[in-house]
Amino acid sequence: MGAMPAAAGRSPLARFVLTVLAWLPVTFAVWYLAAPALMAIVRVLCAVAVMPFGDLVREVERSGSTLVFVSSLKPGQAAGGGVISVSVDGLLYSFGMPMFAALTLAAREPKRWLILAAGLAVLLPFVAFGAVADFLKNVAITASPLVASQAGFSAGERELIAFAYQFGTLILPTVVPAVVWVVAHRAFLENMRKAGDG
């Protein structure tokens, strides 16, 4: 998919922006359809990430693009009965991926498909970070006092979890894809700058 004919005669930056906009619907559609496969990888990463919390998480399951953290916490005081499960929408933490893909494909650099695959692989742990922080926020902060007390986090740890949740929700999904793209396309950006100066 190349630059649109209407972009002929425009500056390199304008052509690039138009090409990115042309790619975005495609990359968002592919991302949405591929989300279950991506979340299968993120599920494994989340299962590893929660290991330091001992038996707080019994299992991490996946249903489509949703991750389900099955905890050992009880919804009531009784020893028997069910346990608390927290569902986290993986799309909330991976929406930067289609933007990264659109930028990468629009740049039309050599080995762009390899750069795309490597970049997406780099982004997956950050998606897992956001999902785990979301789970921890649910059981340590927004849960009922009975459930939160079972989780056993101190006031300081709850503050850290709140920060991690905000960071994983507001910063990482947008900033990390941009940073990864810039690092992977330094030569492209330099050429763009020279073309603009010319």
N, C-alpha and C. Protein backbone atom coordinates (compact mmCIF):
# COMPACT_ATOMS: atom_id res chain seq x y z
N MET A 1 0.85 -1.19 0.00
CA MET A 1 0.00 0.00 0.00
C MET A 1 0.88 1.23 0.00
N GLY A 2 0.93 1.97 -1.07
CA GLY A 2 1.82 3.09 -1.19
C GLY A 2 1.12 4.39 -0.85
N ALA A 3 1.83 5.49 -1.09
CA ALA A 3 1.24 6.79 -0.83
C ALA A 3 0.11 7.04 -1.80
N MET A 4 -0.91 7.76 -1.40
CA MET A 4 -2.07 8.00 -2.22
C MET A 4 -1.71 8.96 -3.34
N PRO A 5 -2.34 8.80 -4.53
CA PRO A 5 -2.03 9.69 -5.64
C PRO A 5 -2.24 11.15 -5.30
N ALA A 6 -3.24 11.46 -4.48
CA ALA A 6 -3.53 12.84 -4.12
C ALA A 6 -2.38 13.50 -3.37
N ALA A 7 -1.48 12.65 -2.84
CA ALA A 7 -0.37 13.20 -2.07
C ALA A 7 0.79 13.65 -2.94
N ALA A 8 0.68 13.40 -4.31
CA ALA A 8 1.76 13.77 -5.21
C ALA A 8 2.03 15.26 -5.12
N GLY A 9 3.29 15.61 -5.06
CA GLY A 9 3.66 17.01 -5.00
C GLY A 9 3.67 17.57 -3.59
N ARG A 10 3.18 16.83 -2.65
CA ARG A 10 3.18 17.30 -1.27
C ARG A 10 4.56 17.06 -0.64
N SER A 11 4.77 17.65 0.51
CA SER A 11 6.03 17.45 1.22
C SER A 11 6.13 15.99 1.68
N PRO A 12 7.35 15.50 1.93
CA PRO A 12 7.50 14.11 2.41
C PRO A 12 6.72 13.86 3.70
N LEU A 13 6.67 14.85 4.59
CA LEU A 13 5.94 14.68 5.84
C LEU A 13 4.44 14.54 5.58
N ALA A 14 3.91 15.38 4.67
CA ALA A 14 2.49 15.30 4.35
C ALA A 14 2.15 13.96 3.72
N ARG A 15 3.00 13.48 2.81
CA ARG A 15 2.76 12.17 2.20
C ARG A 15 2.79 11.07 3.24
N PHE A 16 3.74 11.18 4.17
CA PHE A 16 3.84 10.17 5.23
C PHE A 16 2.60 10.16 6.10
N VAL A 17 2.14 11.34 6.50
CA VAL A 17 0.95 11.42 7.35
C VAL A 17 -0.26 10.85 6.64
N LEU A 18 -0.44 11.18 5.37
CA LEU A 18 -1.58 10.66 4.61
C LEU A 18 -1.50 9.13 4.47
N THR A 19 -0.29 8.63 4.30
CA THR A 19 -0.12 7.18 4.18
C THR A 19 -0.43 6.48 5.51
N VAL A 20 -0.01 7.09 6.61
CA VAL A 20 -0.35 6.55 7.93
C VAL A 20 -1.86 6.49 8.10
N LEU A 21 -2.55 7.57 7.75
CA LEU A 21 -4.01 7.61 7.87
C LEU A 21 -4.67 6.56 7.00
N ALA A 22 -4.08 6.28 5.84
CA ALA A 22 -4.63 5.25 4.97
C ALA A 22 -4.45 3.85 5.56
N TRP A 23 -3.33 3.65 6.26
CA TRP A 23 -3.06 2.34 6.86
C TRP A 23 -3.87 2.08 8.13
N LEU A 24 -4.23 3.14 8.85
CA LEU A 24 -4.84 2.96 10.17
C LEU A 24 -6.09 2.07 10.17
N PRO A 25 -7.05 2.26 9.27
CA PRO A 25 -8.22 1.36 9.30
C PRO A 25 -7.85 -0.10 9.11
N VAL A 26 -6.85 -0.34 8.28
CA VAL A 26 -6.40 -1.72 8.03
C VAL A 26 -5.75 -2.31 9.28
N THR A 27 -4.84 -1.55 9.88
CA THR A 27 -4.11 -2.09 11.03
C THR A 27 -5.03 -2.26 12.25
N PHE A 28 -6.00 -1.35 12.42
CA PHE A 28 -6.93 -1.50 13.54
C PHE A 28 -7.83 -2.72 13.33
N ALA A 29 -8.25 -2.96 12.09
CA ALA A 29 -9.08 -4.14 11.82
C ALA A 29 -8.30 -5.43 12.08
N VAL A 30 -7.05 -5.47 11.62
CA VAL A 30 -6.22 -6.66 11.83
C VAL A 30 -5.96 -6.86 13.32
N TRP A 31 -5.66 -5.76 14.03
CA TRP A 31 -5.43 -5.84 15.47
C TRP A 31 -6.64 -6.39 16.20
N TYR A 32 -7.80 -5.90 15.86
CA TYR A 32 -9.02 -6.35 16.54
C TYR A 32 -9.26 -7.84 16.29
N LEU A 33 -9.04 -8.28 15.05
CA LEU A 33 -9.27 -9.69 14.71
C LEU A 33 -8.18 -10.59 15.31
N ALA A 34 -6.97 -10.06 15.42
CA ALA A 34 -5.85 -10.86 15.94
C ALA A 34 -5.73 -10.78 17.45
N ALA A 35 -6.57 -9.97 18.10
CA ALA A 35 -6.45 -9.76 19.54
C ALA A 35 -6.46 -11.06 20.35
N PRO A 36 -7.34 -12.03 20.05
CA PRO A 36 -7.30 -13.27 20.83
C PRO A 36 -5.95 -13.97 20.78
N ALA A 37 -5.32 -13.99 19.61
CA ALA A 37 -3.99 -14.62 19.49
C ALA A 37 -2.95 -13.83 20.27
N LEU A 38 -3.00 -12.51 20.19
CA LEU A 38 -2.07 -11.68 20.95
C LEU A 38 -2.25 -11.88 22.44
N MET A 39 -3.52 -11.96 22.87
CA MET A 39 -3.80 -12.12 24.30
C MET A 39 -3.39 -13.50 24.81
N ALA A 40 -3.30 -14.48 23.93
CA ALA A 40 -2.81 -15.79 24.35
C ALA A 40 -1.35 -15.67 24.81
N ILE A 41 -0.58 -14.83 24.11
CA ILE A 41 0.81 -14.60 24.51
C ILE A 41 0.86 -13.76 25.78
N VAL A 42 0.02 -12.73 25.83
CA VAL A 42 -0.02 -11.86 27.01
C VAL A 42 -0.43 -12.66 28.25
N ARG A 43 -1.33 -13.61 28.09
CA ARG A 43 -1.77 -14.44 29.21
C ARG A 43 -0.58 -15.16 29.85
N VAL A 44 0.30 -15.70 29.02
CA VAL A 44 1.49 -16.38 29.53
C VAL A 44 2.39 -15.40 30.27
N LEU A 45 2.57 -14.21 29.71
CA LEU A 45 3.39 -13.19 30.36
C LEU A 45 2.79 -12.77 31.69
N CYS A 46 1.46 -12.65 31.74
CA CYS A 46 0.80 -12.28 33.00
C CYS A 46 0.97 -13.38 34.05
N ALA A 47 0.88 -14.62 33.61
CA ALA A 47 1.03 -15.74 34.54
C ALA A 47 2.42 -15.73 35.17
N VAL A 48 3.41 -15.33 34.40
CA VAL A 48 4.77 -15.22 34.94
C VAL A 48 4.89 -14.01 35.86
N ALA A 49 4.26 -12.89 35.45
CA ALA A 49 4.37 -11.64 36.21
C ALA A 49 3.74 -11.72 37.59
N VAL A 50 2.71 -12.55 37.76
CA VAL A 50 2.03 -12.62 39.06
C VAL A 50 2.69 -13.63 40.01
N MET A 51 3.70 -14.34 39.55
CA MET A 51 4.37 -15.33 40.41
C MET A 51 4.90 -14.74 41.71
N PRO A 52 5.48 -13.51 41.69
CA PRO A 52 5.99 -12.96 42.95
C PRO A 52 4.91 -12.72 44.01
N PHE A 53 3.63 -12.75 43.62
CA PHE A 53 2.55 -12.52 44.58
C PHE A 53 2.06 -13.82 45.22
N GLY A 54 2.85 -14.86 45.10
CA GLY A 54 2.52 -16.13 45.76
C GLY A 54 1.26 -16.76 45.20
N ASP A 55 0.38 -17.19 46.10
CA ASP A 55 -0.84 -17.87 45.66
C ASP A 55 -2.01 -16.90 45.48
N LEU A 56 -1.73 -15.61 45.37
CA LEU A 56 -2.81 -14.64 45.16
C LEU A 56 -3.58 -14.96 43.89
N VAL A 57 -2.87 -15.38 42.85
CA VAL A 57 -3.49 -15.73 41.58
C VAL A 57 -3.33 -17.23 41.35
N ARG A 58 -4.45 -17.92 41.25
CA ARG A 58 -4.40 -19.35 40.99
C ARG A 58 -4.13 -19.65 39.52
N GLU A 59 -4.73 -18.83 38.65
CA GLU A 59 -4.61 -19.09 37.22
C GLU A 59 -4.99 -17.82 36.45
N VAL A 60 -4.37 -17.68 35.28
CA VAL A 60 -4.77 -16.62 34.36
C VAL A 60 -5.36 -17.29 33.13
N GLU A 61 -6.62 -16.98 32.85
CA GLU A 61 -7.31 -17.58 31.72
C GLU A 61 -7.56 -16.52 30.66
N ARG A 62 -7.97 -16.97 29.47
CA ARG A 62 -8.27 -16.04 28.39
C ARG A 62 -9.60 -16.41 27.77
N SER A 63 -10.41 -15.40 27.50
CA SER A 63 -11.67 -15.58 26.78
C SER A 63 -11.73 -14.51 25.71
N GLY A 64 -11.41 -14.88 24.47
CA GLY A 64 -11.30 -13.89 23.41
C GLY A 64 -10.15 -12.95 23.69
N SER A 65 -10.43 -11.66 23.76
CA SER A 65 -9.39 -10.68 24.08
C SER A 65 -9.41 -10.29 25.55
N THR A 66 -10.19 -11.00 26.35
CA THR A 66 -10.30 -10.71 27.77
C THR A 66 -9.45 -11.67 28.59
N LEU A 67 -8.69 -11.15 29.53
CA LEU A 67 -7.88 -11.96 30.44
C LEU A 67 -8.63 -12.08 31.76
N VAL A 68 -8.69 -13.28 32.29
CA VAL A 68 -9.41 -13.54 33.54
C VAL A 68 -8.41 -14.02 34.58
N PHE A 69 -8.24 -13.21 35.63
CA PHE A 69 -7.34 -13.57 36.73
C PHE A 69 -8.18 -14.26 37.81
N VAL A 70 -7.94 -15.55 38.01
CA VAL A 70 -8.65 -16.32 39.02
C VAL A 70 -7.81 -16.27 40.30
N SER A 71 -8.31 -15.58 41.30
CA SER A 71 -7.54 -15.39 42.52
C SER A 71 -7.87 -16.45 43.56
N SER A 72 -7.17 -16.38 44.68
CA SER A 72 -7.46 -17.26 45.81
C SER A 72 -8.32 -16.54 46.85
N LEU A 73 -8.75 -15.31 46.54
CA LEU A 73 -9.52 -14.51 47.48
C LEU A 73 -10.98 -14.94 47.50
N LYS A 74 -11.57 -14.93 48.69
CA LYS A 74 -12.97 -15.34 48.87
C LYS A 74 -13.87 -14.10 48.86
N PRO A 75 -15.04 -14.21 48.24
CA PRO A 75 -15.96 -13.07 48.22
C PRO A 75 -16.63 -12.81 49.58
N GLY A 76 -16.58 -13.81 50.49
CA GLY A 76 -17.20 -13.66 51.81
C GLY A 76 -16.29 -14.23 52.88
N GLN A 77 -16.81 -14.30 54.09
CA GLN A 77 -16.00 -14.78 55.21
C GLN A 77 -15.92 -16.29 55.27
N ALA A 78 -16.85 -16.97 54.64
CA ALA A 78 -16.87 -18.44 54.70
C ALA A 78 -15.65 -19.03 54.01
N ALA A 79 -15.16 -20.09 54.58
CA ALA A 79 -13.97 -20.73 54.01
C ALA A 79 -14.29 -21.40 52.69
N GLY A 80 -15.48 -21.94 52.55
CA GLY A 80 -15.85 -22.63 51.32
C GLY A 80 -16.37 -21.65 50.28
N GLY A 81 -16.99 -22.19 49.22
CA GLY A 81 -17.59 -21.34 48.20
C GLY A 81 -16.61 -20.94 47.13
N GLY A 82 -17.01 -19.94 46.34
CA GLY A 82 -16.22 -19.53 45.19
C GLY A 82 -15.07 -18.62 45.53
N VAL A 83 -14.38 -18.20 44.50
CA VAL A 83 -13.25 -17.29 44.65
C VAL A 83 -13.48 -16.09 43.72
N ILE A 84 -12.73 -15.04 43.97
CA ILE A 84 -12.85 -13.83 43.18
C ILE A 84 -12.09 -13.99 41.87
N SER A 85 -12.77 -13.66 40.78
CA SER A 85 -12.13 -13.61 39.46
C SER A 85 -12.25 -12.19 38.93
N VAL A 86 -11.19 -11.70 38.31
CA VAL A 86 -11.17 -10.34 37.77
C VAL A 86 -10.93 -10.42 36.26
N SER A 87 -11.84 -9.84 35.48
CA SER A 87 -11.70 -9.81 34.03
C SER A 87 -11.07 -8.49 33.61
N VAL A 88 -10.09 -8.57 32.73
CA VAL A 88 -9.39 -7.38 32.23
C VAL A 88 -9.44 -7.41 30.71
N ASP A 89 -9.91 -6.32 30.12
CA ASP A 89 -9.98 -6.21 28.66
C ASP A 89 -8.59 -5.90 28.11
N GLY A 90 -8.01 -6.85 27.42
CA GLY A 90 -6.66 -6.67 26.88
C GLY A 90 -6.57 -5.58 25.82
N LEU A 91 -7.70 -5.26 25.17
CA LEU A 91 -7.68 -4.22 24.15
C LEU A 91 -7.33 -2.85 24.73
N LEU A 92 -7.67 -2.65 26.01
CA LEU A 92 -7.39 -1.36 26.65
C LEU A 92 -5.89 -1.08 26.74
N TYR A 93 -5.08 -2.12 26.73
CA TYR A 93 -3.64 -1.96 26.94
C TYR A 93 -2.82 -2.25 25.68
N SER A 94 -3.49 -2.58 24.58
CA SER A 94 -2.76 -2.92 23.36
C SER A 94 -3.16 -2.05 22.18
N PHE A 95 -3.93 -0.99 22.40
CA PHE A 95 -4.42 -0.20 21.27
C PHE A 95 -3.32 0.61 20.59
N GLY A 96 -2.14 0.69 21.20
CA GLY A 96 -1.01 1.35 20.54
C GLY A 96 -0.39 0.50 19.44
N MET A 97 -0.68 -0.80 19.45
CA MET A 97 -0.08 -1.69 18.45
C MET A 97 -0.49 -1.34 17.02
N PRO A 98 -1.77 -1.12 16.73
CA PRO A 98 -2.12 -0.77 15.35
C PRO A 98 -1.54 0.56 14.91
N MET A 99 -1.38 1.50 15.83
CA MET A 99 -0.72 2.76 15.47
C MET A 99 0.74 2.52 15.11
N PHE A 100 1.43 1.70 15.93
CA PHE A 100 2.81 1.35 15.61
C PHE A 100 2.90 0.68 14.25
N ALA A 101 1.96 -0.23 13.97
CA ALA A 101 1.96 -0.94 12.69
C ALA A 101 1.74 0.03 11.53
N ALA A 102 0.80 0.95 11.68
CA ALA A 102 0.53 1.91 10.61
C ALA A 102 1.74 2.80 10.34
N LEU A 103 2.39 3.26 11.39
CA LEU A 103 3.59 4.09 11.24
C LEU A 103 4.71 3.31 10.56
N THR A 104 4.88 2.06 10.96
CA THR A 104 5.95 1.23 10.41
C THR A 104 5.72 0.95 8.92
N LEU A 105 4.50 0.59 8.57
CA LEU A 105 4.20 0.27 7.17
C LEU A 105 4.24 1.52 6.30
N ALA A 106 3.83 2.66 6.85
CA ALA A 106 3.86 3.91 6.09
C ALA A 106 5.29 4.37 5.80
N ALA A 107 6.21 4.06 6.70
CA ALA A 107 7.61 4.47 6.51
C ALA A 107 8.25 3.73 5.34
N ARG A 108 7.76 2.53 5.03
CA ARG A 108 8.22 1.73 3.88
C ARG A 108 9.73 1.52 3.90
N GLU A 109 10.25 1.28 5.07
CA GLU A 109 11.68 1.01 5.22
C GLU A 109 11.99 -0.43 4.82
N PRO A 110 13.24 -0.69 4.41
CA PRO A 110 13.63 -2.09 4.16
C PRO A 110 13.42 -2.93 5.43
N LYS A 111 13.05 -4.17 5.25
CA LYS A 111 12.81 -5.10 6.36
C LYS A 111 11.69 -4.61 7.28
N ARG A 112 10.72 -3.87 6.72
CA ARG A 112 9.65 -3.31 7.57
C ARG A 112 8.83 -4.40 8.24
N TRP A 113 8.68 -5.56 7.58
CA TRP A 113 7.89 -6.63 8.21
C TRP A 113 8.63 -7.22 9.40
N LEU A 114 9.95 -7.30 9.31
CA LEU A 114 10.75 -7.76 10.44
C LEU A 114 10.70 -6.73 11.57
N ILE A 115 10.79 -5.45 11.21
CA ILE A 115 10.69 -4.39 12.23
C ILE A 115 9.33 -4.43 12.90
N LEU A 116 8.29 -4.66 12.11
CA LEU A 116 6.93 -4.72 12.66
C LEU A 116 6.80 -5.87 13.66
N ALA A 117 7.28 -7.05 13.27
CA ALA A 117 7.18 -8.21 14.17
C ALA A 117 7.98 -8.00 15.44
N ALA A 118 9.20 -7.47 15.29
CA ALA A 118 10.05 -7.24 16.47
C ALA A 118 9.43 -6.18 17.38
N GLY A 119 8.89 -5.13 16.79
CA GLY A 119 8.28 -4.06 17.58
C GLY A 119 7.07 -4.55 18.36
N LEU A 120 6.23 -5.34 17.73
CA LEU A 120 5.06 -5.88 18.42
C LEU A 120 5.48 -6.80 19.57
N ALA A 121 6.54 -7.57 19.34
CA ALA A 121 7.04 -8.45 20.41
C ALA A 121 7.53 -7.64 21.60
N VAL A 122 8.16 -6.49 21.32
CA VAL A 122 8.64 -5.62 22.40
C VAL A 122 7.47 -5.03 23.18
N LEU A 123 6.35 -4.76 22.51
CA LEU A 123 5.20 -4.13 23.16
C LEU A 123 4.42 -5.09 24.05
N LEU A 124 4.47 -6.38 23.78
CA LEU A 124 3.65 -7.34 24.52
C LEU A 124 3.87 -7.31 26.04
N PRO A 125 5.12 -7.24 26.54
CA PRO A 125 5.29 -7.18 28.00
C PRO A 125 4.64 -5.96 28.64
N PHE A 126 4.57 -4.85 27.91
CA PHE A 126 3.94 -3.65 28.45
C PHE A 126 2.42 -3.82 28.53
N VAL A 127 1.87 -4.58 27.58
CA VAL A 127 0.44 -4.91 27.64
C VAL A 127 0.18 -5.76 28.88
N ALA A 128 1.06 -6.72 29.13
CA ALA A 128 0.92 -7.58 30.31
C ALA A 128 1.04 -6.75 31.59
N PHE A 129 1.95 -5.80 31.61
CA PHE A 129 2.11 -4.93 32.78
C PHE A 129 0.79 -4.22 33.10
N GLY A 130 0.17 -3.64 32.08
CA GLY A 130 -1.09 -2.94 32.28
C GLY A 130 -2.18 -3.85 32.79
N ALA A 131 -2.26 -5.06 32.24
CA ALA A 131 -3.29 -6.00 32.65
C ALA A 131 -3.11 -6.44 34.10
N VAL A 132 -1.87 -6.73 34.50
CA VAL A 132 -1.59 -7.14 35.87
C VAL A 132 -1.88 -6.00 36.84
N ALA A 133 -1.49 -4.78 36.46
CA ALA A 133 -1.77 -3.62 37.32
C ALA A 133 -3.27 -3.42 37.48
N ASP A 134 -4.02 -3.66 36.43
CA ASP A 134 -5.48 -3.56 36.48
C ASP A 134 -6.05 -4.57 37.47
N PHE A 135 -5.57 -5.80 37.38
CA PHE A 135 -6.01 -6.83 38.33
C PHE A 135 -5.70 -6.45 39.77
N LEU A 136 -4.47 -6.01 40.02
CA LEU A 136 -4.06 -5.66 41.37
C LEU A 136 -4.88 -4.49 41.92
N LYS A 137 -5.17 -3.52 41.05
CA LYS A 137 -6.00 -2.40 41.47
C LYS A 137 -7.39 -2.89 41.90
N ASN A 138 -7.92 -3.85 41.18
CA ASN A 138 -9.25 -4.36 41.49
C ASN A 138 -9.30 -5.08 42.83
N VAL A 139 -8.26 -5.85 43.15
CA VAL A 139 -8.32 -6.62 44.40
C VAL A 139 -7.75 -5.86 45.60
N ALA A 140 -6.92 -4.86 45.35
CA ALA A 140 -6.28 -4.15 46.47
C ALA A 140 -6.90 -2.81 46.78
N ILE A 141 -7.58 -2.21 45.80
CA ILE A 141 -8.06 -0.84 45.99
C ILE A 141 -9.57 -0.73 45.84
N THR A 142 -10.11 -1.22 44.74
CA THR A 142 -11.54 -1.02 44.48
C THR A 142 -12.42 -2.15 45.02
N ALA A 143 -11.82 -3.22 45.50
CA ALA A 143 -12.60 -4.33 46.06
C ALA A 143 -13.18 -3.93 47.41
N SER A 144 -14.08 -4.75 47.89
CA SER A 144 -14.66 -4.51 49.22
C SER A 144 -13.55 -4.64 50.28
N PRO A 145 -13.73 -4.00 51.44
CA PRO A 145 -12.71 -4.09 52.50
C PRO A 145 -12.36 -5.53 52.87
N LEU A 146 -13.36 -6.42 52.85
CA LEU A 146 -13.10 -7.82 53.20
C LEU A 146 -12.15 -8.46 52.20
N VAL A 147 -12.41 -8.23 50.92
CA VAL A 147 -11.55 -8.81 49.89
C VAL A 147 -10.17 -8.16 49.92
N ALA A 148 -10.13 -6.84 50.04
CA ALA A 148 -8.85 -6.12 50.05
C ALA A 148 -7.99 -6.55 51.23
N SER A 149 -8.63 -6.82 52.37
CA SER A 149 -7.86 -7.25 53.53
C SER A 149 -7.25 -8.63 53.31
N GLN A 150 -7.95 -9.49 52.57
CA GLN A 150 -7.40 -10.82 52.26
C GLN A 150 -6.16 -10.69 51.37
N ALA A 151 -6.18 -9.70 50.46
CA ALA A 151 -5.04 -9.52 49.56
C ALA A 151 -3.77 -9.19 50.35
N GLY A 152 -3.92 -8.48 51.47
CA GLY A 152 -2.80 -8.26 52.38
C GLY A 152 -1.80 -7.21 51.97
N PHE A 153 -2.20 -6.27 51.11
CA PHE A 153 -1.26 -5.21 50.71
C PHE A 153 -1.26 -4.08 51.74
N SER A 154 -0.09 -3.54 52.00
CA SER A 154 0.04 -2.42 52.92
C SER A 154 -0.43 -1.13 52.23
N ALA A 155 -0.56 -0.06 52.99
CA ALA A 155 -0.97 1.22 52.42
C ALA A 155 0.02 1.70 51.36
N GLY A 156 1.30 1.52 51.64
CA GLY A 156 2.33 1.91 50.68
C GLY A 156 2.26 1.10 49.40
N GLU A 157 2.01 -0.20 49.56
CA GLU A 157 1.89 -1.06 48.38
C GLU A 157 0.67 -0.70 47.56
N ARG A 158 -0.42 -0.32 48.23
CA ARG A 158 -1.61 0.10 47.48
C ARG A 158 -1.35 1.38 46.70
N GLU A 159 -0.57 2.29 47.28
CA GLU A 159 -0.20 3.51 46.56
C GLU A 159 0.62 3.17 45.32
N LEU A 160 1.53 2.22 45.46
CA LEU A 160 2.35 1.79 44.34
C LEU A 160 1.50 1.14 43.26
N ILE A 161 0.53 0.33 43.67
CA ILE A 161 -0.38 -0.31 42.71
C ILE A 161 -1.20 0.74 41.97
N ALA A 162 -1.68 1.76 42.69
CA ALA A 162 -2.46 2.83 42.06
C ALA A 162 -1.61 3.56 41.02
N PHE A 163 -0.34 3.81 41.35
CA PHE A 163 0.55 4.47 40.39
C PHE A 163 0.78 3.57 39.18
N ALA A 164 1.03 2.29 39.42
CA ALA A 164 1.28 1.35 38.32
C ALA A 164 0.06 1.26 37.40
N TYR A 165 -1.13 1.28 38.00
CA TYR A 165 -2.35 1.23 37.20
C TYR A 165 -2.49 2.47 36.32
N GLN A 166 -2.28 3.65 36.91
CA GLN A 166 -2.37 4.88 36.13
C GLN A 166 -1.30 4.92 35.03
N PHE A 167 -0.10 4.51 35.37
CA PHE A 167 1.00 4.49 34.41
C PHE A 167 0.71 3.50 33.28
N GLY A 168 0.21 2.31 33.65
CA GLY A 168 -0.07 1.28 32.66
C GLY A 168 -1.27 1.58 31.80
N THR A 169 -2.17 2.44 32.29
CA THR A 169 -3.38 2.77 31.54
C THR A 169 -3.21 4.02 30.69
N LEU A 170 -2.61 5.05 31.26
CA LEU A 170 -2.56 6.36 30.59
C LEU A 170 -1.28 6.61 29.81
N ILE A 171 -0.16 6.02 30.24
CA ILE A 171 1.13 6.35 29.63
C ILE A 171 1.62 5.26 28.67
N LEU A 172 1.75 4.06 29.18
CA LEU A 172 2.39 3.00 28.40
C LEU A 172 1.72 2.69 27.06
N PRO A 173 0.38 2.57 27.00
CA PRO A 173 -0.23 2.18 25.72
C PRO A 173 0.01 3.16 24.58
N THR A 174 0.25 4.43 24.90
CA THR A 174 0.46 5.42 23.84
C THR A 174 1.93 5.80 23.66
N VAL A 175 2.65 5.93 24.76
CA VAL A 175 4.02 6.42 24.69
C VAL A 175 4.99 5.34 24.22
N VAL A 176 4.86 4.13 24.75
CA VAL A 176 5.82 3.07 24.40
C VAL A 176 5.81 2.75 22.91
N PRO A 177 4.66 2.58 22.25
CA PRO A 177 4.70 2.33 20.80
C PRO A 177 5.40 3.45 20.03
N ALA A 178 5.18 4.70 20.45
CA ALA A 178 5.84 5.82 19.77
C ALA A 178 7.34 5.77 19.97
N VAL A 179 7.78 5.48 21.19
CA VAL A 179 9.22 5.40 21.47
C VAL A 179 9.86 4.26 20.69
N VAL A 180 9.21 3.10 20.67
CA VAL A 180 9.76 1.96 19.93
C VAL A 180 9.87 2.29 18.45
N TRP A 181 8.84 2.96 17.92
CA TRP A 181 8.88 3.32 16.49
C TRP A 181 10.01 4.29 16.20
N VAL A 182 10.19 5.29 17.04
CA VAL A 182 11.26 6.27 16.82
C VAL A 182 12.62 5.60 16.87
N VAL A 183 12.82 4.72 17.84
CA VAL A 183 14.11 4.02 17.96
C VAL A 183 14.38 3.16 16.73
N ALA A 184 13.33 2.53 16.20
CA ALA A 184 13.49 1.63 15.05
C ALA A 184 13.59 2.39 13.72
N HIS A 185 13.28 3.68 13.71
CA HIS A 185 13.23 4.43 12.46
C HIS A 185 14.06 5.72 12.53
N ARG A 186 15.19 5.66 13.20
CA ARG A 186 16.02 6.86 13.32
C ARG A 186 16.52 7.33 11.96
N ALA A 187 16.92 6.39 11.11
CA ALA A 187 17.42 6.77 9.78
C ALA A 187 16.31 7.40 8.95
N PHE A 188 15.11 6.84 9.04
CA PHE A 188 13.97 7.40 8.31
C PHE A 188 13.68 8.82 8.77
N LEU A 189 13.69 9.04 10.07
CA LEU A 189 13.41 10.37 10.61
C LEU A 189 14.49 11.37 10.21
N GLU A 190 15.73 10.92 10.18
CA GLU A 190 16.82 11.80 9.75
C GLU A 190 16.66 12.19 8.29
N ASN A 191 16.30 11.22 7.45
CA ASN A 191 16.07 11.52 6.03
C ASN A 191 14.88 12.46 5.87
N MET A 192 13.85 12.27 6.70
CA MET A 192 12.69 13.16 6.64
C MET A 192 13.09 14.58 7.03
N ARG A 193 13.94 14.69 8.04
CA ARG A 193 14.40 16.02 8.47
C ARG A 193 15.20 16.71 7.37
N LYS A 194 16.10 15.93 6.72
CA LYS A 194 16.91 16.51 5.63
C LYS A 194 16.04 16.94 4.47
N ALA A 195 15.02 16.12 4.16
CA ALA A 195 14.12 16.49 3.06
C ALA A 195 13.34 17.75 3.40
N GLY A 196 12.98 17.89 4.67
CA GLY A 196 12.26 19.10 5.09
C GLY A 196 13.14 20.33 5.03
N ASP A 197 14.43 20.16 5.39
CA ASP A 197 15.37 21.29 5.32
C ASP A 197 15.64 21.71 3.88
N GLY A 198 15.61 20.66 2.99
CA GLY A 198 15.87 20.98 1.59
C GLY A 198 14.70 21.69 0.97
